[in-house]
N, C-alpha and C. Protein backbone atom coordinates (compact mmCIF):
# COMPACT_ATOMS: atom_id res chain seq x y z
N MET A 1 -34.29 -25.63 -39.63
CA MET A 1 -33.71 -26.08 -38.44
C MET A 1 -32.40 -26.80 -38.68
N SER A 2 -31.38 -26.38 -38.07
CA SER A 2 -30.00 -26.96 -38.16
C SER A 2 -29.92 -28.14 -37.26
N PRO A 3 -29.16 -29.17 -37.73
CA PRO A 3 -28.90 -30.33 -36.92
C PRO A 3 -27.97 -29.98 -35.73
N ARG A 4 -28.26 -30.78 -34.66
CA ARG A 4 -27.37 -30.58 -33.42
C ARG A 4 -26.08 -31.11 -33.63
N LYS A 5 -25.02 -30.44 -33.06
CA LYS A 5 -23.71 -31.06 -33.11
C LYS A 5 -23.55 -32.29 -32.41
N LEU A 6 -22.77 -33.25 -32.92
CA LEU A 6 -22.52 -34.51 -32.28
C LEU A 6 -21.53 -34.30 -31.11
N VAL A 7 -21.80 -35.05 -30.07
CA VAL A 7 -20.91 -35.01 -28.91
C VAL A 7 -20.26 -36.31 -28.81
N HIS A 8 -18.92 -36.26 -28.97
CA HIS A 8 -18.13 -37.53 -28.92
C HIS A 8 -17.69 -37.88 -27.46
N ALA A 9 -17.73 -39.16 -27.22
CA ALA A 9 -17.34 -39.52 -25.79
C ALA A 9 -15.80 -39.81 -25.88
N GLY A 10 -15.12 -39.87 -24.81
CA GLY A 10 -13.76 -40.17 -24.69
C GLY A 10 -12.89 -38.98 -24.35
N LEU A 11 -11.58 -39.09 -24.58
CA LEU A 11 -10.64 -38.06 -24.15
C LEU A 11 -10.88 -36.78 -24.96
N ARG A 12 -10.54 -35.60 -24.24
CA ARG A 12 -10.67 -34.38 -24.83
C ARG A 12 -9.62 -34.21 -25.92
N GLY A 13 -10.07 -33.46 -26.96
CA GLY A 13 -9.04 -33.17 -28.03
C GLY A 13 -8.28 -31.90 -27.57
N PRO A 14 -7.31 -31.60 -28.58
CA PRO A 14 -6.43 -30.45 -28.27
C PRO A 14 -7.33 -29.15 -28.23
N GLY A 15 -7.05 -28.22 -27.35
CA GLY A 15 -7.73 -26.91 -27.32
C GLY A 15 -9.06 -26.95 -26.67
N GLN A 16 -9.60 -28.10 -26.21
CA GLN A 16 -10.83 -28.12 -25.43
C GLN A 16 -10.61 -27.95 -23.92
N THR A 17 -11.37 -27.20 -23.30
CA THR A 17 -11.14 -27.01 -21.92
C THR A 17 -12.02 -28.08 -21.17
N VAL A 18 -11.68 -28.39 -19.93
CA VAL A 18 -12.40 -29.43 -19.11
C VAL A 18 -13.78 -28.81 -18.75
N PHE A 19 -13.73 -27.59 -18.23
CA PHE A 19 -15.00 -26.95 -17.96
C PHE A 19 -14.97 -25.54 -18.55
N PRO A 20 -16.03 -25.18 -19.44
CA PRO A 20 -16.06 -23.87 -20.01
C PRO A 20 -16.26 -22.87 -18.86
N GLU A 21 -15.94 -21.60 -18.97
CA GLU A 21 -16.13 -20.65 -17.89
C GLU A 21 -17.48 -20.50 -17.34
N GLU A 22 -18.47 -20.57 -18.26
CA GLU A 22 -19.98 -20.52 -17.73
C GLU A 22 -20.18 -21.63 -16.73
N ALA A 23 -19.77 -22.91 -17.07
CA ALA A 23 -20.02 -24.00 -16.31
C ALA A 23 -19.25 -23.84 -14.91
N LYS A 24 -18.04 -23.38 -14.90
CA LYS A 24 -17.37 -23.14 -13.72
C LYS A 24 -18.00 -22.26 -12.77
N GLU A 25 -18.50 -21.12 -13.34
CA GLU A 25 -19.13 -20.05 -12.53
C GLU A 25 -20.33 -20.65 -11.79
N SER A 26 -21.22 -21.36 -12.63
CA SER A 26 -22.33 -22.07 -12.01
C SER A 26 -22.06 -23.16 -11.01
N GLY A 27 -21.10 -23.85 -11.35
CA GLY A 27 -20.60 -25.00 -10.54
C GLY A 27 -20.00 -24.58 -9.24
N GLN A 28 -19.43 -23.42 -9.22
CA GLN A 28 -18.85 -22.96 -7.87
C GLN A 28 -19.89 -22.77 -6.84
N HIS A 29 -21.16 -22.49 -7.21
CA HIS A 29 -22.16 -22.13 -6.36
C HIS A 29 -22.88 -23.44 -5.69
N ILE A 30 -22.62 -24.62 -6.32
CA ILE A 30 -23.28 -25.85 -5.88
C ILE A 30 -22.55 -26.30 -4.49
N GLY A 31 -23.35 -26.42 -3.53
CA GLY A 31 -22.82 -27.03 -2.27
C GLY A 31 -22.14 -26.08 -1.41
N LEU A 32 -21.64 -24.96 -1.80
CA LEU A 32 -21.01 -24.08 -0.90
C LEU A 32 -22.00 -23.10 -0.26
N THR A 33 -22.51 -23.54 0.87
CA THR A 33 -23.65 -22.93 1.44
C THR A 33 -23.35 -21.83 2.54
N GLY A 34 -22.05 -21.84 2.98
CA GLY A 34 -21.75 -20.88 4.07
C GLY A 34 -20.55 -20.11 3.61
N THR A 35 -19.90 -19.39 4.62
CA THR A 35 -18.69 -18.59 4.29
C THR A 35 -17.66 -19.02 5.35
N ALA A 36 -16.48 -18.84 4.99
CA ALA A 36 -15.35 -19.00 5.80
C ALA A 36 -14.46 -17.78 5.81
N VAL A 37 -13.59 -17.67 6.82
CA VAL A 37 -12.75 -16.55 6.91
C VAL A 37 -11.26 -17.24 6.95
N ILE A 38 -10.51 -16.80 5.78
CA ILE A 38 -9.14 -17.36 5.76
C ILE A 38 -8.27 -16.40 6.66
N LEU A 39 -7.45 -17.00 7.56
CA LEU A 39 -6.67 -16.25 8.43
C LEU A 39 -5.21 -16.54 8.16
N GLU A 40 -4.35 -15.50 8.12
CA GLU A 40 -2.93 -15.61 7.77
C GLU A 40 -2.22 -15.07 8.97
N ASN A 41 -1.06 -15.70 9.33
CA ASN A 41 -0.22 -15.26 10.52
C ASN A 41 0.68 -14.10 10.09
N GLU A 42 0.58 -13.03 10.85
CA GLU A 42 1.51 -11.94 10.65
C GLU A 42 2.11 -11.58 12.08
N PRO A 43 3.22 -12.28 12.45
CA PRO A 43 3.84 -12.10 13.70
C PRO A 43 4.10 -10.63 14.06
N THR A 44 3.86 -10.25 15.32
CA THR A 44 4.17 -8.91 15.90
C THR A 44 5.04 -9.05 17.07
N ASP A 45 5.81 -8.02 17.21
CA ASP A 45 6.81 -7.86 18.38
C ASP A 45 5.99 -7.75 19.57
N ASP A 46 6.21 -8.56 20.62
CA ASP A 46 5.52 -8.57 21.86
C ASP A 46 6.12 -7.58 22.85
N GLY A 47 7.27 -6.86 22.43
CA GLY A 47 7.83 -5.90 23.34
C GLY A 47 8.93 -6.50 24.17
N GLY A 48 9.00 -7.78 24.28
CA GLY A 48 9.99 -8.46 25.09
C GLY A 48 11.07 -9.13 24.24
N GLY A 49 11.20 -8.84 22.96
CA GLY A 49 12.20 -9.39 22.08
C GLY A 49 11.78 -10.69 21.31
N SER A 50 10.58 -11.07 21.46
CA SER A 50 10.15 -12.21 20.69
C SER A 50 8.90 -11.88 19.96
N LEU A 51 8.50 -12.71 19.05
CA LEU A 51 7.29 -12.46 18.25
C LEU A 51 6.10 -13.19 18.71
N GLU A 52 4.97 -12.64 18.54
CA GLU A 52 3.68 -13.14 19.04
C GLU A 52 2.79 -13.36 17.78
N ASP A 53 2.14 -14.56 17.68
CA ASP A 53 1.19 -14.90 16.49
C ASP A 53 0.07 -13.90 16.48
N ASN A 54 -0.19 -13.32 15.34
CA ASN A 54 -1.33 -12.41 15.16
C ASN A 54 -2.03 -12.97 13.86
N TRP A 55 -3.13 -13.54 14.07
CA TRP A 55 -3.93 -14.09 12.89
C TRP A 55 -4.81 -13.01 12.34
N ILE A 56 -4.62 -12.61 11.06
CA ILE A 56 -5.37 -11.54 10.36
C ILE A 56 -6.20 -12.19 9.28
N PRO A 57 -7.61 -11.72 9.32
CA PRO A 57 -8.43 -12.14 8.25
C PRO A 57 -8.01 -11.60 6.94
N LYS A 58 -7.87 -12.46 5.93
CA LYS A 58 -7.54 -12.14 4.57
C LYS A 58 -8.67 -12.10 3.57
N SER A 59 -9.51 -13.09 3.61
CA SER A 59 -10.65 -13.18 2.60
C SER A 59 -11.83 -14.01 3.25
N GLU A 60 -12.93 -13.79 2.60
CA GLU A 60 -14.13 -14.61 3.05
C GLU A 60 -14.81 -15.33 1.87
N PRO A 61 -14.22 -16.45 1.56
CA PRO A 61 -14.82 -17.27 0.47
C PRO A 61 -16.04 -18.00 0.88
N ARG A 62 -16.82 -18.46 -0.13
CA ARG A 62 -17.95 -19.39 0.11
C ARG A 62 -17.28 -20.72 0.57
N ALA A 63 -17.96 -21.42 1.37
CA ALA A 63 -17.36 -22.73 1.95
C ALA A 63 -18.34 -23.67 2.49
N ARG A 64 -17.96 -24.94 2.66
CA ARG A 64 -18.68 -25.96 3.30
C ARG A 64 -17.73 -26.83 4.09
N ILE A 65 -18.15 -27.24 5.31
CA ILE A 65 -17.28 -28.15 6.09
C ILE A 65 -17.97 -29.44 6.22
N ASP A 66 -17.28 -30.64 6.09
CA ASP A 66 -17.79 -31.91 6.28
C ASP A 66 -16.90 -32.73 7.24
N PRO A 67 -17.58 -33.49 8.16
CA PRO A 67 -16.73 -34.37 8.94
C PRO A 67 -16.03 -35.38 8.08
N LEU A 68 -14.82 -35.82 8.51
CA LEU A 68 -14.03 -36.62 7.69
C LEU A 68 -14.75 -37.99 7.33
N VAL A 69 -15.45 -38.54 8.34
CA VAL A 69 -16.31 -39.74 8.10
C VAL A 69 -17.25 -39.55 7.01
N THR A 70 -18.04 -38.51 7.01
CA THR A 70 -19.01 -38.26 6.00
C THR A 70 -18.43 -37.98 4.66
N ALA A 71 -17.24 -37.13 4.58
CA ALA A 71 -16.53 -37.08 3.33
C ALA A 71 -16.02 -38.24 2.69
N LYS A 72 -15.51 -39.18 3.61
CA LYS A 72 -15.02 -40.47 3.05
C LYS A 72 -16.18 -41.29 2.49
N ALA A 73 -17.36 -41.26 3.15
CA ALA A 73 -18.53 -42.07 2.72
C ALA A 73 -19.02 -41.51 1.40
N GLN A 74 -18.86 -40.19 1.20
CA GLN A 74 -19.37 -39.49 -0.03
C GLN A 74 -18.35 -39.54 -1.14
N GLY A 75 -17.19 -40.24 -0.91
CA GLY A 75 -16.26 -40.38 -1.87
C GLY A 75 -15.41 -39.19 -2.27
N LEU A 76 -15.36 -38.10 -1.36
CA LEU A 76 -14.74 -36.86 -1.67
C LEU A 76 -13.18 -36.93 -1.37
N ILE A 77 -12.77 -38.00 -0.62
CA ILE A 77 -11.38 -38.16 -0.32
C ILE A 77 -10.84 -39.42 -0.68
N ALA A 78 -9.54 -39.48 -0.81
CA ALA A 78 -8.83 -40.78 -1.09
C ALA A 78 -8.47 -41.47 0.22
N ASP A 79 -7.94 -42.70 0.18
CA ASP A 79 -7.66 -43.38 1.33
C ASP A 79 -6.44 -42.80 2.19
N GLN A 80 -5.55 -42.11 1.46
CA GLN A 80 -4.32 -41.49 2.14
C GLN A 80 -4.78 -40.14 2.54
N ILE A 81 -4.61 -39.94 3.86
CA ILE A 81 -5.04 -38.71 4.43
C ILE A 81 -4.24 -38.43 5.70
N ASP A 82 -3.99 -37.16 6.04
CA ASP A 82 -3.21 -36.91 7.18
C ASP A 82 -3.97 -37.45 8.48
N GLU A 83 -3.27 -38.20 9.28
CA GLU A 83 -3.93 -38.76 10.56
C GLU A 83 -4.51 -37.83 11.49
N GLU A 84 -3.97 -36.62 11.36
CA GLU A 84 -4.51 -35.59 12.20
C GLU A 84 -5.80 -34.92 11.80
N SER A 85 -6.05 -35.03 10.42
CA SER A 85 -7.20 -34.40 9.90
C SER A 85 -8.57 -34.93 10.50
N THR A 86 -9.51 -34.05 10.74
CA THR A 86 -10.69 -34.55 11.24
C THR A 86 -11.97 -34.03 10.34
N HIS A 87 -11.71 -33.04 9.50
CA HIS A 87 -12.74 -32.53 8.61
C HIS A 87 -12.12 -32.12 7.25
N ILE A 88 -13.12 -32.05 6.22
CA ILE A 88 -12.73 -31.50 4.99
C ILE A 88 -13.52 -30.21 4.72
N ILE A 89 -12.78 -29.14 4.32
CA ILE A 89 -13.47 -27.87 3.98
C ILE A 89 -13.44 -27.68 2.52
N SER A 90 -14.56 -27.41 1.86
CA SER A 90 -14.64 -27.19 0.45
C SER A 90 -14.70 -25.70 0.34
N LEU A 91 -13.95 -25.05 -0.58
CA LEU A 91 -13.85 -23.63 -0.81
C LEU A 91 -14.04 -23.26 -2.27
N ASP A 92 -14.22 -21.93 -2.47
CA ASP A 92 -14.21 -21.39 -3.91
C ASP A 92 -12.76 -21.76 -4.43
N ALA A 93 -12.74 -22.10 -5.74
CA ALA A 93 -11.41 -22.36 -6.34
C ALA A 93 -10.52 -21.20 -6.34
N THR A 94 -10.95 -19.98 -6.15
CA THR A 94 -10.15 -18.84 -6.21
C THR A 94 -9.54 -18.40 -4.69
N ALA A 95 -10.05 -19.15 -3.75
CA ALA A 95 -9.57 -18.93 -2.43
C ALA A 95 -8.17 -19.15 -2.21
N ASN A 96 -7.34 -18.21 -1.56
CA ASN A 96 -5.95 -18.37 -1.48
C ASN A 96 -5.69 -18.97 0.00
N VAL A 97 -5.48 -20.24 -0.09
CA VAL A 97 -5.28 -20.99 1.23
C VAL A 97 -4.22 -21.91 1.10
N SER A 98 -3.38 -22.07 2.15
CA SER A 98 -2.14 -22.94 2.21
C SER A 98 -2.12 -23.68 3.51
N THR A 99 -1.26 -24.63 3.73
CA THR A 99 -1.10 -25.23 4.96
C THR A 99 -0.54 -24.41 6.04
N LYS A 100 -0.23 -23.07 5.72
CA LYS A 100 0.23 -22.14 6.74
C LYS A 100 -0.95 -21.21 7.26
N SER A 101 -2.20 -21.55 6.55
CA SER A 101 -3.37 -20.71 6.90
C SER A 101 -4.26 -21.43 8.06
N ARG A 102 -5.06 -20.62 8.48
CA ARG A 102 -6.19 -21.16 9.33
C ARG A 102 -7.45 -20.73 8.81
N ILE A 103 -8.59 -21.47 9.16
CA ILE A 103 -9.82 -21.14 8.55
C ILE A 103 -10.85 -21.00 9.71
N GLU A 104 -11.66 -19.92 9.75
CA GLU A 104 -12.66 -19.79 10.70
C GLU A 104 -14.00 -19.96 10.11
N ILE A 105 -14.77 -20.98 10.60
CA ILE A 105 -16.13 -21.18 10.16
C ILE A 105 -16.98 -21.29 11.42
N ASN A 106 -18.08 -20.47 11.45
CA ASN A 106 -19.08 -20.53 12.51
C ASN A 106 -18.27 -20.31 13.94
N SER A 107 -17.44 -19.35 14.02
CA SER A 107 -16.69 -18.99 15.22
C SER A 107 -15.74 -20.06 15.69
N LYS A 108 -15.46 -21.11 14.91
CA LYS A 108 -14.48 -22.08 15.31
C LYS A 108 -13.31 -21.99 14.36
N VAL A 109 -12.07 -22.05 14.83
CA VAL A 109 -10.86 -21.95 14.08
C VAL A 109 -10.28 -23.31 13.75
N TRP A 110 -9.89 -23.49 12.51
CA TRP A 110 -9.37 -24.82 12.08
C TRP A 110 -7.95 -24.57 11.43
N VAL A 111 -7.12 -25.61 11.72
CA VAL A 111 -5.68 -25.58 11.19
C VAL A 111 -5.73 -26.40 10.01
N VAL A 112 -5.15 -25.80 8.84
CA VAL A 112 -5.10 -26.61 7.59
C VAL A 112 -3.88 -27.57 7.72
N THR A 113 -4.34 -28.91 7.48
CA THR A 113 -3.25 -29.87 7.64
C THR A 113 -2.83 -30.42 6.21
N GLY A 114 -3.64 -30.19 5.24
CA GLY A 114 -3.38 -30.62 3.84
C GLY A 114 -4.23 -29.99 2.84
N LYS A 115 -3.72 -29.90 1.57
CA LYS A 115 -4.51 -29.29 0.51
C LYS A 115 -4.53 -30.23 -0.66
N ARG A 116 -5.69 -30.43 -1.11
CA ARG A 116 -5.92 -31.30 -2.26
C ARG A 116 -5.76 -30.61 -3.53
N GLU A 117 -4.73 -31.05 -4.42
CA GLU A 117 -4.42 -30.36 -5.65
C GLU A 117 -5.36 -30.98 -6.73
N ARG A 118 -5.95 -30.21 -7.61
CA ARG A 118 -6.74 -30.70 -8.69
C ARG A 118 -6.33 -29.96 -9.97
N THR A 119 -6.53 -30.60 -11.17
CA THR A 119 -6.04 -30.06 -12.43
C THR A 119 -6.94 -28.86 -12.85
N ASP A 120 -8.24 -28.93 -12.80
CA ASP A 120 -9.17 -27.87 -13.27
C ASP A 120 -10.20 -27.83 -12.26
N PRO A 121 -9.97 -27.29 -11.13
CA PRO A 121 -10.93 -27.26 -10.01
C PRO A 121 -12.13 -26.38 -10.19
N LEU A 122 -13.36 -26.90 -9.87
CA LEU A 122 -14.57 -26.05 -9.62
C LEU A 122 -14.52 -25.48 -8.24
N ILE A 123 -13.97 -26.33 -7.28
CA ILE A 123 -13.76 -25.94 -5.87
C ILE A 123 -12.45 -26.47 -5.45
N GLN A 124 -11.97 -26.17 -4.30
CA GLN A 124 -10.77 -26.76 -3.76
C GLN A 124 -11.14 -27.29 -2.42
N ARG A 125 -10.49 -28.34 -2.05
CA ARG A 125 -10.72 -28.92 -0.68
C ARG A 125 -9.40 -28.99 0.10
N VAL A 126 -9.58 -28.71 1.39
CA VAL A 126 -8.46 -28.72 2.41
C VAL A 126 -8.81 -29.63 3.48
N GLU A 127 -7.81 -30.32 4.09
CA GLU A 127 -7.99 -31.18 5.26
C GLU A 127 -7.68 -30.21 6.48
N VAL A 128 -8.49 -30.31 7.46
CA VAL A 128 -8.34 -29.62 8.78
C VAL A 128 -8.50 -30.28 9.94
N LYS A 129 -7.86 -29.82 11.09
CA LYS A 129 -8.21 -30.23 12.40
C LYS A 129 -8.45 -29.02 13.28
N GLY A 130 -9.11 -29.28 14.41
CA GLY A 130 -9.48 -28.22 15.30
C GLY A 130 -8.22 -27.55 15.93
N ALA A 131 -8.24 -26.20 16.01
CA ALA A 131 -7.08 -25.46 16.52
C ALA A 131 -7.09 -25.57 18.08
């Protein structure tokens, strides 16, 4: 029987990843119980010389939506947040979403008001308000 490797507490050394790929894959499934539809705007000519908004579905990542009050109580957000934001949506880390996107969850469309940047995310979080 070989001895177990020692685990050192503290800062990561050079070359160590924050989350190994296996942990990322299993961690992405935690808490994301529903799906969302990421919508991107592709303006179309309305025939009268101006453009009309046309929201096209681009992807359907796993997601979860939390009211802002619940998210703040759970410590998911910092004190500085867009005053128009009303909810936090957690998405797969690979979801392509920006402040120009809209997100549809359970037949309700949300406008993305802010995106939380993380260094090595298991998931990503965006701030939204009702469209």
